């Protein structure tokens, strides 16, 4: 419907009103743009200007309050409280502002108002890991242990990645790790793994063992790559029996385990089927150096799906023993070391062999199989060995001795598969 504006006075009033409205909107638009500019400076002075230009904007007061609260060079706790209270008054549903207000009160020793701010934040956002975490830590400082553990447990349930820090902080208050595991932490693989990793890095194996036991008891499948930290530290601290037991436990819950090895073999995954070569009682090697490349080869195998390939580039006459597996033999026990080896154009007077190296009561001891060189189809090499007294830890390595012949820069390839080190009876004949 159209209206005829025949009166000049009405038309003039409309023009004046339109200009006033445009001026009004332009003013606030320009002011908002200027405030945004100052806000984006990310400085205390910028936040102060933004809050002065737009005092009804809760975000401006929130950021200004944070700048007062967390400026470690020039903190202003009183101004922080004032600014954050304005932010909360303008937006009472901001859990962020309420948490910072609680922190500001707490920093001033005003625990009553701090507690009220935390509780308000919980009402606003009851499923916030940040709120539960901050409130739980506040309660820890107040000595309210049970209430604190409930909040920390809630935070870790919502964000399991907090578990290692939660355990570490709570342990300062409650040194009994079992109490923490019962009260402050939920029972889950995602929670336990970071704690085991952190404790292992710190060398605290006693507490790591307690958490490890609970992880194993869950019987949930876990990638081996997430479990070897604990076992490596046990080996590093020469707690060999504990390391062997933990490795067996890890294998029992690992995702995609390889086919079983010969009964009693000290070598795990002797067929290289798992693809895992990172730590614990597994094969370990550097994939490539300047002289050798080591890899798992699915195109060549004695059995199964792959073998271990070692490729020498012919640049040097090298002493090689970089593909190894830790072992924990029983002193005085007789073992049979066995492997299948294939070579292709492997030059020089020294080929590849297997070596057992152990730390014994009288020092170190090593024995080696015969070597394989040239071009050979799959060939079995064997060695009978009796673990000497005190030999509770050692290695089995793929070995190439440096040749004493001229022009012995080694070149070519070797493959290994189906490697085992099994206990044998006294009456077992030599191979």
Protein backbone atom coordinates (compact mmCIF):
# COMPACT_ATOMS: atom_id res chain seq x y z
CA UNK A 1 0.00 0.00 0.00
CA UNK A 2 1.41 3.43 -0.96
CA UNK A 3 0.85 6.63 1.01
CA UNK A 4 1.04 10.00 -0.66
CA UNK A 5 3.22 12.39 1.32
CA UNK A 6 1.62 15.61 0.15
CA UNK A 7 2.59 17.72 3.16
CA UNK A 8 6.03 19.37 2.89
CA UNK A 9 6.21 19.43 6.67
CA UNK A 10 5.75 15.66 6.95
CA UNK A 11 8.35 15.08 4.26
CA UNK A 12 10.81 17.33 6.12
CA UNK A 13 10.21 15.50 9.40
CA UNK A 14 10.85 12.16 7.73
CA UNK A 15 14.11 13.40 6.23
CA UNK A 16 15.25 14.79 9.58
CA UNK A 17 14.34 11.54 11.37
CA UNK A 18 16.19 9.47 8.77
CA UNK A 19 19.30 11.61 9.07
CA UNK A 20 19.18 11.38 12.87
CA UNK A 21 18.77 7.61 12.75
CA UNK A 22 21.61 7.27 10.27
CA UNK A 23 23.83 9.47 12.45
CA UNK A 24 22.91 7.47 15.53
CA UNK A 25 23.65 4.14 13.88
CA UNK A 26 26.85 5.45 12.33
CA UNK A 27 28.05 6.69 15.70
CA UNK A 28 27.51 3.34 17.36
CA UNK A 29 28.97 1.50 14.37
CA UNK A 30 32.09 3.63 14.44
CA UNK A 31 32.36 3.30 18.22
CA UNK A 32 32.05 -0.48 17.95
CA UNK A 33 34.73 -0.57 15.28
CA UNK A 34 37.08 1.55 17.40
CA UNK A 35 36.42 -0.62 20.45
CA UNK A 36 37.14 -3.75 18.41
CA UNK A 37 40.37 -2.20 17.20
CA UNK A 38 41.54 -1.53 20.76
CA UNK A 39 40.40 -4.99 21.86
CA UNK A 40 42.48 -6.63 19.13
CA UNK A 41 45.61 -4.87 20.38
CA UNK A 42 45.60 -7.49 23.13
CA UNK A 43 47.07 -5.06 25.66
CA UNK A 44 45.84 -3.80 29.00
CA UNK A 45 45.57 -0.27 27.64
CA UNK A 46 43.58 -1.57 24.69
CA UNK A 47 41.14 -3.43 26.92
CA UNK A 48 40.72 -0.33 29.08
CA UNK A 49 39.85 1.80 26.03
CA UNK A 50 37.47 -0.84 24.70
CA UNK A 51 35.65 -1.08 28.06
CA UNK A 52 35.40 2.72 28.24
CA UNK A 53 33.98 2.94 24.72
CA UNK A 54 31.50 0.05 25.19
CA UNK A 55 30.84 -0.36 28.90
CA UNK A 56 27.77 -2.54 28.26
CA UNK A 57 29.86 -5.23 26.52
CA UNK A 58 30.60 -8.05 28.98
CA UNK A 59 33.44 -9.39 26.85
CA UNK A 60 35.37 -6.13 27.21
CA UNK A 61 35.22 -6.30 31.00
CA UNK A 62 36.08 -9.99 31.00
CA UNK A 63 39.24 -9.49 28.94
CA UNK A 64 40.19 -6.43 30.98
CA UNK A 65 39.74 -8.40 34.21
CA UNK A 66 41.94 -11.21 32.88
CA UNK A 67 44.65 -8.72 31.96
CA UNK A 68 44.64 -7.42 35.54
CA UNK A 69 44.52 -10.93 37.01
CA UNK A 70 47.16 -12.75 34.95
CA UNK A 71 49.71 -10.00 34.38
CA UNK A 72 52.58 -11.46 36.40
CA UNK A 73 54.72 -8.33 36.05
CA UNK A 74 52.05 -5.87 37.20
CA UNK A 75 49.00 -7.66 38.61
CA UNK A 76 46.04 -5.63 39.83
CA UNK A 77 43.93 -8.05 41.89
CA UNK A 78 41.48 -5.39 43.15
CA UNK A 79 40.84 -4.07 39.63
CA UNK A 80 40.58 -7.65 38.40
CA UNK A 81 37.74 -8.34 40.82
CA UNK A 82 35.98 -5.11 39.87
CA UNK A 83 36.19 -5.76 36.14
CA UNK A 84 35.18 -9.40 36.39
CA UNK A 85 32.22 -8.54 38.60
CA UNK A 86 31.04 -6.13 35.89
CA UNK A 87 31.48 -8.87 33.29
CA UNK A 88 29.40 -11.30 35.37
CA UNK A 89 26.74 -8.65 36.03
CA UNK A 90 26.38 -8.12 32.28
CA UNK A 91 26.52 -11.84 31.44
CA UNK A 92 25.69 -14.07 34.38
CA UNK A 93 25.91 -17.19 32.18
CA UNK A 94 29.60 -16.82 31.41
CA UNK A 95 31.38 -19.72 33.12
CA UNK A 96 34.71 -18.28 31.95
CA UNK A 97 34.13 -14.99 33.74
CA UNK A 98 32.88 -16.74 36.87
CA UNK A 99 35.98 -18.97 36.98
CA UNK A 100 38.30 -16.00 36.66
CA UNK A 101 36.32 -14.10 39.27
CA UNK A 102 36.71 -17.09 41.60
CA UNK A 103 40.46 -17.11 40.92
CA UNK A 104 40.66 -13.36 41.62
CA UNK A 105 38.83 -13.74 44.93
CA UNK A 106 40.98 -16.75 45.84
CA UNK A 107 44.14 -14.78 45.07
CA UNK A 108 43.04 -12.14 47.56
CA UNK A 109 42.32 -14.76 50.21
CA UNK A 110 38.56 -14.23 49.95
CA UNK A 111 37.66 -17.92 49.97
CA UNK A 112 33.99 -17.30 50.77
CA UNK A 113 33.32 -15.31 47.61
CA UNK A 114 35.66 -17.55 45.63
CA UNK A 115 33.59 -20.60 46.60
CA UNK A 116 30.37 -18.81 45.64
CA UNK A 117 31.82 -17.93 42.23
CA UNK A 118 32.88 -21.54 41.67
CA UNK A 119 29.42 -22.81 42.61
CA UNK A 120 27.82 -20.26 40.28
CA UNK A 121 30.08 -21.47 37.46
CA UNK A 122 28.96 -25.05 38.18
CA UNK A 123 25.30 -24.04 37.97
CA UNK A 124 25.94 -22.29 34.66
CA UNK A 125 28.00 -25.12 33.13
CA UNK A 126 27.67 -28.34 35.15
CA UNK A 127 29.48 -30.48 32.54
CA UNK A 128 32.54 -28.27 32.21
CA UNK A 129 35.86 -30.04 32.82
CA UNK A 130 37.49 -26.64 33.42
CA UNK A 131 35.00 -25.74 36.13
CA UNK A 132 35.28 -29.09 37.91
CA UNK A 133 39.08 -29.01 37.64
CA UNK A 134 39.42 -25.46 38.99
CA UNK A 135 36.96 -26.03 41.80
CA UNK A 136 38.61 -29.34 42.72
CA UNK A 137 42.01 -27.68 43.00
CA UNK A 138 40.48 -24.91 45.12
CA UNK A 139 39.03 -27.52 47.46
CA UNK A 140 42.40 -29.27 47.66
CA UNK A 141 43.96 -26.04 48.87
CA UNK A 142 41.22 -25.74 51.48
CA UNK A 143 42.00 -29.22 52.78
CA UNK A 144 38.60 -30.60 51.75
CA UNK A 145 40.08 -33.77 50.32
CA UNK A 146 37.02 -35.91 49.63
CA UNK A 147 35.09 -33.07 47.99
CA UNK A 148 38.18 -32.13 45.99
CA UNK A 149 38.64 -35.69 44.74
CA UNK A 150 35.02 -35.81 43.59
CA UNK A 151 35.48 -32.68 41.49
CA UNK A 152 38.83 -33.83 40.08
CA UNK A 153 37.32 -37.21 39.20
CA UNK A 154 34.50 -35.42 37.35
CA UNK A 155 37.03 -33.29 35.43
CA UNK A 156 39.06 -36.34 34.41
CA UNK A 157 35.95 -38.22 33.35
CA UNK A 158 35.11 -35.32 31.04
CA UNK A 159 38.72 -34.89 29.84
CA UNK A 160 40.89 -38.01 30.40
CA UNK A 161 43.99 -36.17 29.14
CA UNK A 162 44.06 -34.38 32.52
CA UNK A 163 44.67 -37.66 34.36
CA UNK A 164 48.47 -37.47 34.70
CA UNK A 165 48.35 -33.92 36.08
CA UNK A 166 45.45 -34.84 38.36
CA UNK A 167 47.37 -37.78 39.79
CA UNK A 168 50.52 -35.72 40.27
CA UNK A 169 48.73 -32.88 42.07
CA UNK A 170 46.62 -35.09 44.26
CA UNK A 171 49.65 -37.21 45.21
CA UNK A 172 51.15 -34.17 46.95
CA UNK A 173 48.16 -34.12 49.28
CA UNK A 174 47.47 -37.85 49.55
CA UNK A 175 50.63 -39.98 49.16
CA UNK A 176 48.68 -43.25 49.02
CA UNK A 177 48.23 -43.88 45.30
CA UNK A 178 45.52 -46.49 45.90
CA UNK A 179 43.37 -43.87 47.61
CA UNK A 180 43.73 -41.61 44.58
CA UNK A 181 42.91 -44.41 42.18
CA UNK A 182 39.80 -45.25 44.19
CA UNK A 183 38.53 -41.72 44.81
CA UNK A 184 40.07 -39.15 42.47
CA UNK A 185 40.30 -41.00 39.16
CA UNK A 186 37.81 -42.92 37.06
CA UNK A 187 38.72 -46.43 35.99
CA UNK A 188 39.50 -46.42 32.27
CA UNK A 189 42.30 -47.14 29.85
CA UNK A 190 42.30 -43.55 28.59
CA UNK A 191 42.89 -42.36 32.17
CA UNK A 192 45.51 -44.90 33.24
CA UNK A 193 47.79 -44.77 30.20
CA UNK A 194 48.89 -41.10 30.57
CA UNK A 195 49.56 -41.67 34.28
CA UNK A 196 51.71 -44.74 33.62
CA UNK A 197 53.60 -42.82 30.95
CA UNK A 198 54.19 -39.80 33.22
CA UNK A 199 55.29 -41.89 36.21
CA UNK A 200 57.60 -43.96 34.03
CA UNK A 201 59.23 -40.82 32.67
CA UNK A 202 59.75 -39.64 36.25
CA UNK A 203 61.23 -43.01 37.26
CA UNK A 204 58.49 -43.57 39.88
CA UNK A 205 58.02 -47.26 39.12
CA UNK A 206 56.34 -48.21 42.39
CA UNK A 207 53.35 -45.98 41.74
CA UNK A 208 53.50 -46.75 38.02
CA UNK A 209 53.18 -50.44 38.90
CA UNK A 210 50.00 -49.77 40.90
CA UNK A 211 48.40 -47.95 37.98
CA UNK A 212 49.70 -50.56 35.52
CA UNK A 213 48.02 -53.33 37.51
CA UNK A 214 44.68 -51.56 37.23
CA UNK A 215 45.20 -50.98 33.51
CA UNK A 216 45.86 -54.68 32.93
CA UNK A 217 42.88 -55.68 35.08
CA UNK A 218 40.52 -53.82 32.72
CA UNK A 219 41.42 -56.33 29.95
CA UNK A 220 40.78 -53.75 27.25
CA UNK A 221 42.75 -53.92 24.02
CA UNK A 222 45.54 -51.34 23.80
CA UNK A 223 48.10 -50.61 21.05
CA UNK A 224 51.55 -51.80 22.12
CA UNK A 225 52.96 -48.40 21.18
CA UNK A 226 51.12 -46.90 24.16
CA UNK A 227 52.42 -49.38 26.74
CA UNK A 228 56.15 -49.80 26.26
CA UNK A 229 57.23 -46.72 28.30
CA UNK A 230 56.72 -48.54 31.59
CA UNK A 231 58.53 -51.66 30.41
CA UNK A 232 61.46 -49.66 29.04
CA UNK A 233 61.92 -47.95 32.40
CA UNK A 234 61.79 -51.28 34.22
CA UNK A 235 64.55 -52.51 31.91
CA UNK A 236 66.49 -49.28 32.40
CA UNK A 237 66.38 -49.76 36.18
CA UNK A 238 67.37 -53.43 35.73
CA UNK A 239 64.12 -54.74 37.18
CA UNK A 240 64.29 -57.44 34.55
CA UNK A 241 61.87 -59.96 36.05
CA UNK A 242 59.24 -57.23 36.51
CA UNK A 243 59.84 -56.08 32.94
CA UNK A 244 59.36 -59.59 31.53
CA UNK A 245 56.13 -60.01 33.50
CA UNK A 246 54.84 -56.61 32.40
CA UNK A 247 55.70 -57.40 28.78
CA UNK A 248 53.71 -60.64 28.92
CA UNK A 249 50.80 -58.69 30.38
CA UNK A 250 51.07 -56.06 27.65
CA UNK A 251 51.09 -58.71 24.94
CA UNK A 252 47.97 -60.26 26.48
CA UNK A 253 45.96 -57.05 25.92
CA UNK A 254 47.67 -55.63 22.82
CA UNK A 255 45.69 -54.90 19.70
CA UNK A 256 46.47 -57.15 16.72
CA UNK A 257 48.97 -59.51 18.40
CA UNK A 258 51.27 -61.51 16.11
CA UNK A 259 51.08 -65.30 15.77
CA UNK A 260 52.53 -67.10 18.81
CA UNK A 261 56.23 -67.85 18.93
CA UNK A 262 57.65 -71.30 19.74
CA UNK A 263 56.87 -72.28 23.32
CA UNK A 264 59.22 -70.63 25.81
CA UNK A 265 61.05 -68.51 23.24
CA UNK A 266 62.82 -65.49 24.72
CA UNK A 267 62.35 -63.68 21.40
CA UNK A 268 58.95 -62.11 20.79
CA UNK A 269 57.56 -61.86 17.28
CA UNK A 270 60.41 -63.83 15.75
CA UNK A 271 58.51 -63.78 12.46
CA UNK A 272 58.30 -59.95 12.41
CA UNK A 273 54.54 -60.18 11.90
CA UNK A 274 53.39 -57.49 14.33
CA UNK A 275 55.11 -54.60 12.56
CA UNK A 276 55.98 -53.24 16.02
CA UNK A 277 59.64 -52.40 16.62
CA UNK A 278 59.63 -49.56 19.14
CA UNK A 279 60.55 -50.82 22.60
CA UNK A 280 60.13 -53.30 25.40
CA UNK A 281 60.96 -56.89 24.52
CA UNK A 282 60.54 -56.39 20.78
CA UNK A 283 62.99 -56.01 17.95
CA UNK A 284 64.52 -52.54 17.77
CA UNK A 285 66.62 -50.89 15.10
CA UNK A 286 67.24 -47.64 13.27
CA UNK A 287 65.49 -47.80 9.89
CA UNK A 288 68.37 -46.17 8.02
CA UNK A 289 71.93 -45.02 8.55
CA UNK A 290 74.58 -43.88 6.09
CA UNK A 291 75.60 -47.49 5.41
CA UNK A 292 72.59 -49.72 6.07
CA UNK A 293 68.84 -49.73 5.55
CA UNK A 294 66.69 -51.98 7.76
CA UNK A 295 63.01 -52.59 7.09
CA UNK A 296 60.18 -55.09 7.26
CA UNK A 297 59.77 -56.67 3.83
CA UNK A 298 56.38 -58.13 2.84
CA UNK A 299 57.69 -59.26 -0.55
CA UNK A 300 60.19 -61.79 0.85
CA UNK A 301 59.54 -64.19 3.74
CA UNK A 302 60.26 -67.70 4.95
CA UNK A 303 56.77 -67.94 6.48
CA UNK A 304 53.96 -65.60 7.42
CA UNK A 305 53.55 -62.16 5.87
CA UNK A 306 56.98 -60.50 6.09
CA UNK A 307 60.62 -60.76 7.08
CA UNK A 308 63.35 -58.41 8.26
CA UNK A 309 65.50 -57.05 5.40
CA UNK A 310 68.97 -55.57 5.88
CA UNK A 311 70.42 -53.75 2.86
CA UNK A 312 74.13 -52.82 2.81
CA UNK A 313 75.16 -50.04 0.42
CA UNK A 314 78.79 -51.11 -0.13
CA UNK A 315 80.42 -47.91 1.09
CA UNK A 316 82.34 -49.28 4.08
CA UNK A 317 83.72 -52.35 5.78
CA UNK A 318 81.41 -52.00 8.76
CA UNK A 319 80.94 -53.68 12.13
CA UNK A 320 77.15 -54.04 12.22
CA UNK A 321 74.90 -55.05 15.12
CA UNK A 322 72.01 -52.61 14.94
CA UNK A 323 68.99 -54.96 14.78
CA UNK A 324 68.58 -56.36 18.29
CA UNK A 325 66.15 -57.92 20.76
CA UNK A 326 66.55 -57.79 24.56
CA UNK A 327 66.42 -61.13 26.37
CA UNK A 328 66.11 -62.29 29.98
CA UNK A 329 67.63 -65.80 30.14
CA UNK A 330 67.73 -68.12 33.12
CA UNK A 331 71.32 -68.68 34.29
CA UNK A 332 72.51 -72.25 33.75
CA UNK A 333 69.71 -73.05 31.29
CA UNK A 334 70.45 -74.46 27.83
CA UNK A 335 68.88 -72.69 24.84
CA UNK A 336 68.66 -73.22 21.11
CA UNK A 337 69.02 -70.10 18.97
CA UNK A 338 67.51 -70.64 15.53
CA UNK A 339 66.80 -68.43 12.51
CA UNK A 340 66.19 -68.63 8.80
CA UNK A 341 68.45 -66.42 6.68
CA UNK A 342 68.47 -65.57 2.98
CA UNK A 343 71.08 -63.47 1.18
CA UNK A 344 71.30 -61.82 -2.22
CA UNK A 345 74.68 -60.75 -3.66
CA UNK A 346 76.09 -60.20 -0.19
CA UNK A 347 79.74 -59.43 -0.85
CA UNK A 348 82.93 -59.64 1.27
CA UNK A 349 84.45 -62.38 3.43
CA UNK A 350 82.09 -61.63 6.34
CA UNK A 351 78.34 -62.13 6.00
CA UNK A 352 75.51 -61.85 8.51
CA UNK A 353 74.99 -63.99 11.58
CA UNK A 354 73.22 -63.89 14.94
CA UNK A 355 74.98 -63.00 18.18
CA UNK A 356 73.94 -63.58 21.79
CA UNK A 357 75.44 -61.03 24.17
CA UNK A 358 74.81 -61.18 27.94
CA UNK A 359 75.94 -59.51 31.14
CA UNK A 360 77.25 -62.38 33.30
CA UNK A 361 78.63 -62.66 36.82
CA UNK A 362 82.20 -62.55 35.57
CA UNK A 363 81.70 -59.87 32.93
CA UNK A 364 80.18 -59.95 29.47
CA UNK A 365 79.92 -62.97 27.22
CA UNK A 366 78.97 -63.39 23.57
CA UNK A 367 78.52 -66.28 21.15
CA UNK A 368 77.71 -66.22 17.43
CA UNK A 369 76.24 -68.47 14.77
CA UNK A 370 77.97 -69.17 11.49
CA UNK A 371 77.63 -66.39 8.92
CA UNK A 372 75.70 -66.43 5.64
CA UNK A 373 77.02 -64.58 2.59
CA UNK A 374 76.86 -64.48 -1.22
CA UNK A 375 73.53 -65.52 -2.69
CA UNK A 376 71.79 -68.17 -0.62
CA UNK A 377 68.19 -69.43 -0.51
CA UNK A 378 66.48 -69.61 2.85
CA UNK A 379 68.92 -71.36 5.17
CA UNK A 380 68.49 -72.28 8.83
CA UNK A 381 71.27 -71.31 11.25
CA UNK A 382 71.33 -72.70 14.80
CA UNK A 383 73.36 -72.44 17.95
CA UNK A 384 73.14 -74.23 21.31
CA UNK A 385 74.01 -71.97 24.21
CA UNK A 386 74.05 -72.29 27.98
CA UNK A 387 73.36 -69.06 29.88
CA UNK A 388 76.32 -68.45 32.21
CA UNK A 389 75.97 -67.67 35.94
CA UNK A 390 74.52 -64.24 36.60
CA UNK A 391 73.31 -63.83 33.01
CA UNK A 392 69.81 -62.47 33.58
CA UNK A 393 69.83 -59.84 30.84
CA UNK A 394 71.29 -59.51 27.36
CA UNK A 395 70.53 -59.16 23.67
CA UNK A 396 70.24 -61.14 20.48
CA UNK A 397 71.49 -59.09 17.53
CA UNK A 398 71.94 -59.48 13.82
CA UNK A 399 75.71 -59.22 13.49
CA UNK A 400 78.22 -58.57 10.72
CA UNK A 401 81.84 -58.55 11.88
CA UNK A 402 84.30 -56.20 10.26
CA UNK A 403 86.38 -58.15 7.76
CA UNK A 404 90.18 -58.18 7.89
CA UNK A 405 90.37 -58.81 4.13
CA UNK A 406 91.10 -56.01 1.65
CA UNK A 407 88.21 -54.51 -0.34
CA UNK A 408 85.63 -55.75 2.15
CA UNK A 409 83.08 -52.95 1.85
CA UNK A 410 79.91 -55.00 2.28
CA UNK A 411 77.15 -54.74 -0.31
CA UNK A 412 73.96 -56.69 -0.91
CA UNK A 413 70.90 -57.79 1.06
CA UNK A 414 70.03 -60.25 3.80
CA UNK A 415 66.63 -61.36 5.12
CA UNK A 416 65.84 -62.96 8.48
CA UNK A 417 62.68 -64.75 9.56
CA UNK A 418 61.35 -67.17 12.17
CA UNK A 419 63.96 -66.32 14.79
CA UNK A 420 63.66 -68.03 18.20
CA UNK A 421 65.61 -68.71 21.37
CA UNK A 422 63.98 -71.63 23.16
CA UNK A 423 64.99 -73.68 26.20
CA UNK A 424 65.99 -77.27 25.45
CA UNK A 425 66.49 -80.41 27.47
CA UNK A 426 69.94 -81.62 28.42
CA UNK A 427 69.68 -84.60 26.14
CA UNK A 428 68.84 -82.52 23.06
CA UNK A 429 71.49 -83.19 20.36
CA UNK A 430 73.49 -80.37 18.85
CA UNK A 431 72.20 -79.21 15.45
